[in-house]
Amino acid sequence: MTRILIVDDSPTETFRFREILTKHGFEVLEASNGADGVTMTQAELPDMVLMDVVMPGVNGFQATRQIARNSSTKHIPIVIVSTKDQATDRVWGKRQGACDYLTKPVDEQQLIDVIKQHLRVG
């Protein structure tokens, strides 16, 4: 089963993502901040990471960079999912190593399409 790690400090957002992902047959892992997200990515090696940006401590851009530059995790696609929707945020996110950038609130079908596109499943 495809495993997706949700890294988001909002319980509401995490719950919503979990609902969508489990409905579509994905196994869900969760981390509530960037530092835990990096640690969990290294420990669990999920098939994909959905990364929030605005989090206390290590933010999503920093966590994305750490995952993308680590030899054991750099193959894992990271999709940034954030309320920040400026063009500069998108460019910066991709520069840190994200393969895609979605803005909240995320449309369910768009999220699933992006996941399938980068995982090449379904």
N, C-alpha and C. Protein backbone atom coordinates (compact mmCIF):
# COMPACT_ATOMS: atom_id res chain seq x y z
N MET A 1 0.84 -1.19 0.00
CA MET A 1 0.00 0.00 0.00
C MET A 1 0.88 1.25 0.00
N THR A 2 0.48 2.23 -0.77
CA THR A 2 1.25 3.47 -0.86
C THR A 2 1.11 4.27 0.43
N ARG A 3 2.25 4.67 0.99
CA ARG A 3 2.26 5.40 2.25
C ARG A 3 2.60 6.88 2.01
N ILE A 4 1.76 7.75 2.56
CA ILE A 4 1.97 9.19 2.41
C ILE A 4 2.08 9.82 3.79
N LEU A 5 3.14 10.59 3.97
CA LEU A 5 3.36 11.30 5.23
C LEU A 5 2.78 12.71 5.13
N ILE A 6 1.90 13.05 6.07
CA ILE A 6 1.35 14.41 6.16
C ILE A 6 2.15 15.15 7.22
N VAL A 7 2.76 16.27 6.84
CA VAL A 7 3.48 17.10 7.81
C VAL A 7 2.73 18.42 7.91
N ASP A 8 1.98 18.60 8.99
CA ASP A 8 1.15 19.79 9.16
C ASP A 8 0.88 19.99 10.65
N ASP A 9 0.99 21.24 11.11
CA ASP A 9 0.77 21.51 12.54
C ASP A 9 -0.70 21.74 12.87
N SER A 10 -1.57 21.73 11.86
CA SER A 10 -2.99 21.95 12.10
C SER A 10 -3.73 20.61 12.18
N PRO A 11 -4.29 20.28 13.36
CA PRO A 11 -5.05 19.02 13.47
C PRO A 11 -6.21 18.96 12.49
N THR A 12 -6.83 20.10 12.21
CA THR A 12 -7.95 20.15 11.28
C THR A 12 -7.51 19.78 9.87
N GLU A 13 -6.42 20.39 9.41
CA GLU A 13 -5.89 20.09 8.08
C GLU A 13 -5.45 18.64 7.99
N THR A 14 -4.75 18.17 9.02
CA THR A 14 -4.26 16.79 9.04
C THR A 14 -5.43 15.82 8.94
N PHE A 15 -6.49 16.09 9.70
CA PHE A 15 -7.69 15.25 9.68
C PHE A 15 -8.29 15.21 8.28
N ARG A 16 -8.39 16.38 7.65
CA ARG A 16 -8.98 16.46 6.31
C ARG A 16 -8.15 15.67 5.30
N PHE A 17 -6.83 15.86 5.35
CA PHE A 17 -5.96 15.11 4.43
C PHE A 17 -6.08 13.60 4.68
N ARG A 18 -6.11 13.20 5.96
CA ARG A 18 -6.21 11.78 6.29
C ARG A 18 -7.51 11.21 5.72
N GLU A 19 -8.61 11.94 5.87
CA GLU A 19 -9.90 11.49 5.33
C GLU A 19 -9.82 11.26 3.82
N ILE A 20 -9.27 12.24 3.11
CA ILE A 20 -9.16 12.14 1.65
C ILE A 20 -8.26 10.97 1.25
N LEU A 21 -7.10 10.90 1.87
CA LEU A 21 -6.12 9.88 1.47
C LEU A 21 -6.58 8.46 1.77
N THR A 22 -7.17 8.25 2.96
CA THR A 22 -7.62 6.90 3.29
C THR A 22 -8.79 6.49 2.39
N LYS A 23 -9.64 7.45 2.04
CA LYS A 23 -10.76 7.16 1.15
C LYS A 23 -10.26 6.67 -0.21
N HIS A 24 -9.10 7.17 -0.62
CA HIS A 24 -8.53 6.79 -1.91
C HIS A 24 -7.52 5.65 -1.79
N GLY A 25 -7.47 5.01 -0.63
CA GLY A 25 -6.68 3.80 -0.49
C GLY A 25 -5.22 3.98 -0.12
N PHE A 26 -4.87 5.15 0.39
CA PHE A 26 -3.48 5.37 0.81
C PHE A 26 -3.33 5.14 2.31
N GLU A 27 -2.16 4.68 2.71
CA GLU A 27 -1.85 4.56 4.13
C GLU A 27 -1.28 5.91 4.55
N VAL A 28 -1.69 6.41 5.72
CA VAL A 28 -1.31 7.75 6.15
C VAL A 28 -0.40 7.71 7.37
N LEU A 29 0.69 8.47 7.29
CA LEU A 29 1.58 8.72 8.43
C LEU A 29 1.45 10.20 8.74
N GLU A 30 1.70 10.59 9.99
CA GLU A 30 1.52 12.00 10.35
C GLU A 30 2.67 12.52 11.20
N ALA A 31 3.03 13.78 10.93
CA ALA A 31 3.99 14.50 11.77
C ALA A 31 3.43 15.90 11.96
N SER A 32 3.57 16.45 13.16
CA SER A 32 2.92 17.73 13.45
C SER A 32 3.86 18.93 13.34
N ASN A 33 5.12 18.70 12.93
CA ASN A 33 6.01 19.84 12.68
C ASN A 33 7.13 19.41 11.73
N GLY A 34 7.88 20.37 11.25
CA GLY A 34 8.91 20.10 10.24
C GLY A 34 10.01 19.17 10.72
N ALA A 35 10.48 19.37 11.95
CA ALA A 35 11.56 18.53 12.48
C ALA A 35 11.11 17.08 12.56
N ASP A 36 9.90 16.85 13.08
CA ASP A 36 9.36 15.49 13.16
C ASP A 36 9.14 14.91 11.76
N GLY A 37 8.75 15.79 10.84
CA GLY A 37 8.54 15.35 9.46
C GLY A 37 9.82 14.81 8.83
N VAL A 38 10.92 15.52 9.07
CA VAL A 38 12.22 15.08 8.54
C VAL A 38 12.61 13.75 9.19
N THR A 39 12.49 13.68 10.52
CA THR A 39 12.84 12.46 11.25
C THR A 39 12.00 11.27 10.79
N MET A 40 10.70 11.50 10.66
CA MET A 40 9.81 10.41 10.26
C MET A 40 10.07 9.98 8.82
N THR A 41 10.39 10.94 7.95
CA THR A 41 10.70 10.59 6.56
C THR A 41 11.92 9.68 6.52
N GLN A 42 12.93 10.01 7.31
CA GLN A 42 14.15 9.19 7.34
C GLN A 42 13.88 7.81 7.93
N ALA A 43 13.03 7.74 8.95
CA ALA A 43 12.75 6.48 9.62
C ALA A 43 11.80 5.58 8.83
N GLU A 44 10.77 6.18 8.24
CA GLU A 44 9.70 5.40 7.60
C GLU A 44 9.83 5.27 6.08
N LEU A 45 10.59 6.19 5.46
CA LEU A 45 10.72 6.23 3.99
C LEU A 45 9.37 6.09 3.28
N PRO A 46 8.47 7.07 3.52
CA PRO A 46 7.15 7.01 2.87
C PRO A 46 7.29 7.17 1.35
N ASP A 47 6.21 6.88 0.63
CA ASP A 47 6.24 7.01 -0.83
C ASP A 47 6.12 8.46 -1.27
N MET A 48 5.56 9.31 -0.39
CA MET A 48 5.41 10.74 -0.70
C MET A 48 5.23 11.50 0.59
N VAL A 49 5.57 12.80 0.55
CA VAL A 49 5.37 13.68 1.71
C VAL A 49 4.50 14.86 1.26
N LEU A 50 3.44 15.14 2.04
CA LEU A 50 2.65 16.37 1.86
C LEU A 50 3.10 17.32 2.95
N MET A 51 3.68 18.44 2.55
CA MET A 51 4.37 19.34 3.48
C MET A 51 3.69 20.70 3.59
N ASP A 52 3.29 21.04 4.81
CA ASP A 52 2.81 22.40 5.09
C ASP A 52 4.04 23.30 5.15
N VAL A 53 3.86 24.61 5.01
CA VAL A 53 5.00 25.53 5.09
C VAL A 53 5.06 26.22 6.45
N VAL A 54 3.95 26.82 6.88
CA VAL A 54 3.96 27.62 8.09
C VAL A 54 3.79 26.73 9.32
N MET A 55 4.93 26.43 9.97
CA MET A 55 4.92 25.60 11.18
C MET A 55 5.97 26.15 12.14
N PRO A 56 5.76 25.93 13.44
CA PRO A 56 6.76 26.40 14.42
C PRO A 56 8.06 25.62 14.29
N GLY A 57 9.17 26.25 14.64
CA GLY A 57 10.47 25.57 14.57
C GLY A 57 10.92 25.46 13.13
N VAL A 58 11.15 24.23 12.70
CA VAL A 58 11.57 23.97 11.32
C VAL A 58 10.36 24.15 10.41
N ASN A 59 10.40 25.13 9.51
CA ASN A 59 9.25 25.33 8.63
C ASN A 59 9.29 24.35 7.44
N GLY A 60 8.24 24.38 6.65
CA GLY A 60 8.12 23.42 5.55
C GLY A 60 9.20 23.55 4.50
N PHE A 61 9.64 24.78 4.22
CA PHE A 61 10.71 24.96 3.24
C PHE A 61 12.01 24.33 3.75
N GLN A 62 12.31 24.55 5.04
CA GLN A 62 13.53 23.99 5.63
C GLN A 62 13.47 22.46 5.66
N ALA A 63 12.31 21.93 6.06
CA ALA A 63 12.15 20.47 6.12
C ALA A 63 12.25 19.86 4.73
N THR A 64 11.64 20.52 3.74
CA THR A 64 11.72 20.03 2.35
C THR A 64 13.17 19.97 1.90
N ARG A 65 13.91 21.02 2.19
CA ARG A 65 15.33 21.06 1.80
C ARG A 65 16.12 19.93 2.46
N GLN A 66 15.85 19.69 3.74
CA GLN A 66 16.58 18.62 4.46
C GLN A 66 16.27 17.25 3.86
N ILE A 67 15.01 17.01 3.53
CA ILE A 67 14.62 15.72 2.95
C ILE A 67 15.20 15.57 1.54
N ALA A 68 15.08 16.64 0.75
CA ALA A 68 15.52 16.59 -0.66
C ALA A 68 17.04 16.47 -0.79
N ARG A 69 17.78 16.90 0.21
CA ARG A 69 19.24 16.87 0.11
C ARG A 69 19.87 15.70 0.86
N ASN A 70 19.05 14.87 1.49
CA ASN A 70 19.56 13.71 2.21
C ASN A 70 19.61 12.53 1.25
N SER A 71 20.74 11.85 1.18
CA SER A 71 20.90 10.77 0.20
C SER A 71 19.88 9.64 0.39
N SER A 72 19.44 9.41 1.63
CA SER A 72 18.49 8.31 1.86
C SER A 72 17.04 8.68 1.59
N THR A 73 16.75 10.00 1.46
CA THR A 73 15.35 10.42 1.27
C THR A 73 15.12 11.28 0.02
N LYS A 74 16.17 11.60 -0.72
CA LYS A 74 16.02 12.54 -1.83
C LYS A 74 15.14 12.02 -2.97
N HIS A 75 14.91 10.70 -3.02
CA HIS A 75 14.05 10.12 -4.06
C HIS A 75 12.56 10.27 -3.76
N ILE A 76 12.23 10.69 -2.53
CA ILE A 76 10.82 10.77 -2.12
C ILE A 76 10.21 12.09 -2.61
N PRO A 77 9.14 12.02 -3.41
CA PRO A 77 8.51 13.27 -3.87
C PRO A 77 7.85 14.01 -2.71
N ILE A 78 8.04 15.34 -2.72
CA ILE A 78 7.44 16.20 -1.70
C ILE A 78 6.50 17.17 -2.39
N VAL A 79 5.26 17.21 -1.94
CA VAL A 79 4.29 18.18 -2.45
C VAL A 79 4.02 19.16 -1.32
N ILE A 80 4.34 20.42 -1.56
CA ILE A 80 4.05 21.44 -0.55
C ILE A 80 2.58 21.81 -0.66
N VAL A 81 1.91 21.85 0.48
CA VAL A 81 0.50 22.22 0.55
C VAL A 81 0.40 23.35 1.57
N SER A 82 0.17 24.56 1.10
CA SER A 82 0.27 25.72 1.99
C SER A 82 -0.78 26.77 1.71
N THR A 83 -1.01 27.61 2.70
CA THR A 83 -1.88 28.77 2.51
C THR A 83 -1.11 29.88 1.78
N LYS A 84 0.21 29.80 1.76
CA LYS A 84 1.03 30.81 1.08
C LYS A 84 0.92 30.57 -0.43
N ASP A 85 0.35 31.55 -1.14
CA ASP A 85 0.11 31.29 -2.57
C ASP A 85 0.76 32.33 -3.49
N GLN A 86 1.82 32.96 -3.02
CA GLN A 86 2.55 33.89 -3.87
C GLN A 86 3.43 33.12 -4.85
N ALA A 87 3.67 33.72 -6.01
CA ALA A 87 4.54 33.07 -7.00
C ALA A 87 5.92 32.82 -6.41
N THR A 88 6.40 33.75 -5.60
CA THR A 88 7.73 33.58 -5.00
C THR A 88 7.77 32.37 -4.06
N ASP A 89 6.66 32.10 -3.36
CA ASP A 89 6.59 30.92 -2.49
C ASP A 89 6.69 29.64 -3.31
N ARG A 90 6.00 29.63 -4.45
CA ARG A 90 6.02 28.45 -5.32
C ARG A 90 7.44 28.20 -5.85
N VAL A 91 8.06 29.26 -6.32
CA VAL A 91 9.42 29.15 -6.86
C VAL A 91 10.37 28.67 -5.77
N TRP A 92 10.27 29.28 -4.59
CA TRP A 92 11.15 28.91 -3.48
C TRP A 92 10.92 27.46 -3.05
N GLY A 93 9.65 27.04 -3.00
CA GLY A 93 9.34 25.66 -2.63
C GLY A 93 9.96 24.66 -3.59
N LYS A 94 9.86 24.94 -4.88
CA LYS A 94 10.44 24.04 -5.89
C LYS A 94 11.97 24.07 -5.77
N ARG A 95 12.51 25.23 -5.46
CA ARG A 95 13.96 25.35 -5.33
C ARG A 95 14.48 24.54 -4.14
N GLN A 96 13.65 24.37 -3.13
CA GLN A 96 14.04 23.58 -1.95
C GLN A 96 13.97 22.08 -2.22
N GLY A 97 13.30 21.72 -3.32
CA GLY A 97 13.23 20.30 -3.66
C GLY A 97 11.83 19.74 -3.81
N ALA A 98 10.81 20.57 -3.66
CA ALA A 98 9.43 20.08 -3.82
C ALA A 98 9.15 19.80 -5.30
N CYS A 99 8.37 18.75 -5.56
CA CYS A 99 8.03 18.43 -6.94
C CYS A 99 6.75 19.14 -7.38
N ASP A 100 5.98 19.62 -6.40
CA ASP A 100 4.74 20.32 -6.74
C ASP A 100 4.35 21.23 -5.57
N TYR A 101 3.39 22.12 -5.83
CA TYR A 101 2.99 23.11 -4.83
C TYR A 101 1.49 23.34 -4.98
N LEU A 102 0.74 23.02 -3.93
CA LEU A 102 -0.71 23.24 -3.94
C LEU A 102 -1.06 24.24 -2.84
N THR A 103 -2.13 24.99 -3.06
CA THR A 103 -2.54 25.94 -2.04
C THR A 103 -3.82 25.46 -1.35
N LYS A 104 -3.90 25.76 -0.06
CA LYS A 104 -5.08 25.42 0.75
C LYS A 104 -6.14 26.48 0.54
N PRO A 105 -7.41 26.14 0.64
CA PRO A 105 -7.90 24.77 0.80
C PRO A 105 -7.73 23.98 -0.49
N VAL A 106 -7.28 22.74 -0.37
CA VAL A 106 -6.98 21.91 -1.53
C VAL A 106 -8.23 21.20 -2.01
N ASP A 107 -8.42 21.23 -3.33
CA ASP A 107 -9.50 20.47 -3.94
C ASP A 107 -9.13 18.99 -3.91
N GLU A 108 -10.05 18.16 -3.44
CA GLU A 108 -9.76 16.73 -3.27
C GLU A 108 -9.26 16.08 -4.55
N GLN A 109 -9.96 16.33 -5.66
CA GLN A 109 -9.56 15.68 -6.92
C GLN A 109 -8.20 16.17 -7.39
N GLN A 110 -7.95 17.47 -7.20
CA GLN A 110 -6.65 18.02 -7.59
C GLN A 110 -5.53 17.36 -6.78
N LEU A 111 -5.77 17.18 -5.48
CA LEU A 111 -4.78 16.55 -4.62
C LEU A 111 -4.48 15.12 -5.09
N ILE A 112 -5.52 14.35 -5.34
CA ILE A 112 -5.35 12.96 -5.78
C ILE A 112 -4.65 12.91 -7.14
N ASP A 113 -5.02 13.81 -8.05
CA ASP A 113 -4.38 13.86 -9.37
C ASP A 113 -2.88 14.13 -9.26
N VAL A 114 -2.52 15.08 -8.40
CA VAL A 114 -1.11 15.43 -8.22
C VAL A 114 -0.35 14.25 -7.59
N ILE A 115 -0.96 13.61 -6.62
CA ILE A 115 -0.33 12.45 -5.98
C ILE A 115 -0.07 11.36 -7.02
N LYS A 116 -1.08 11.04 -7.81
CA LYS A 116 -0.94 9.99 -8.83
C LYS A 116 0.09 10.38 -9.88
N GLN A 117 0.10 11.64 -10.24
CA GLN A 117 1.06 12.11 -11.24
C GLN A 117 2.50 11.88 -10.77
N HIS A 118 2.77 12.18 -9.51
CA HIS A 118 4.14 12.07 -9.01
C HIS A 118 4.51 10.67 -8.52
N LEU A 119 3.49 9.87 -8.20
CA LEU A 119 3.77 8.50 -7.78
C LEU A 119 3.66 7.53 -8.94
N ARG A 120 3.05 8.00 -10.02
CA ARG A 120 2.80 7.18 -11.17
C ARG A 120 2.03 5.90 -10.79
N VAL A 121 0.97 6.12 -10.01
CA VAL A 121 0.09 5.01 -9.63
C VAL A 121 -1.28 5.23 -10.26
N GLY A 122 -2.08 4.19 -10.28
CA GLY A 122 -3.45 4.30 -10.77
C GLY A 122 -3.48 4.64 -12.22
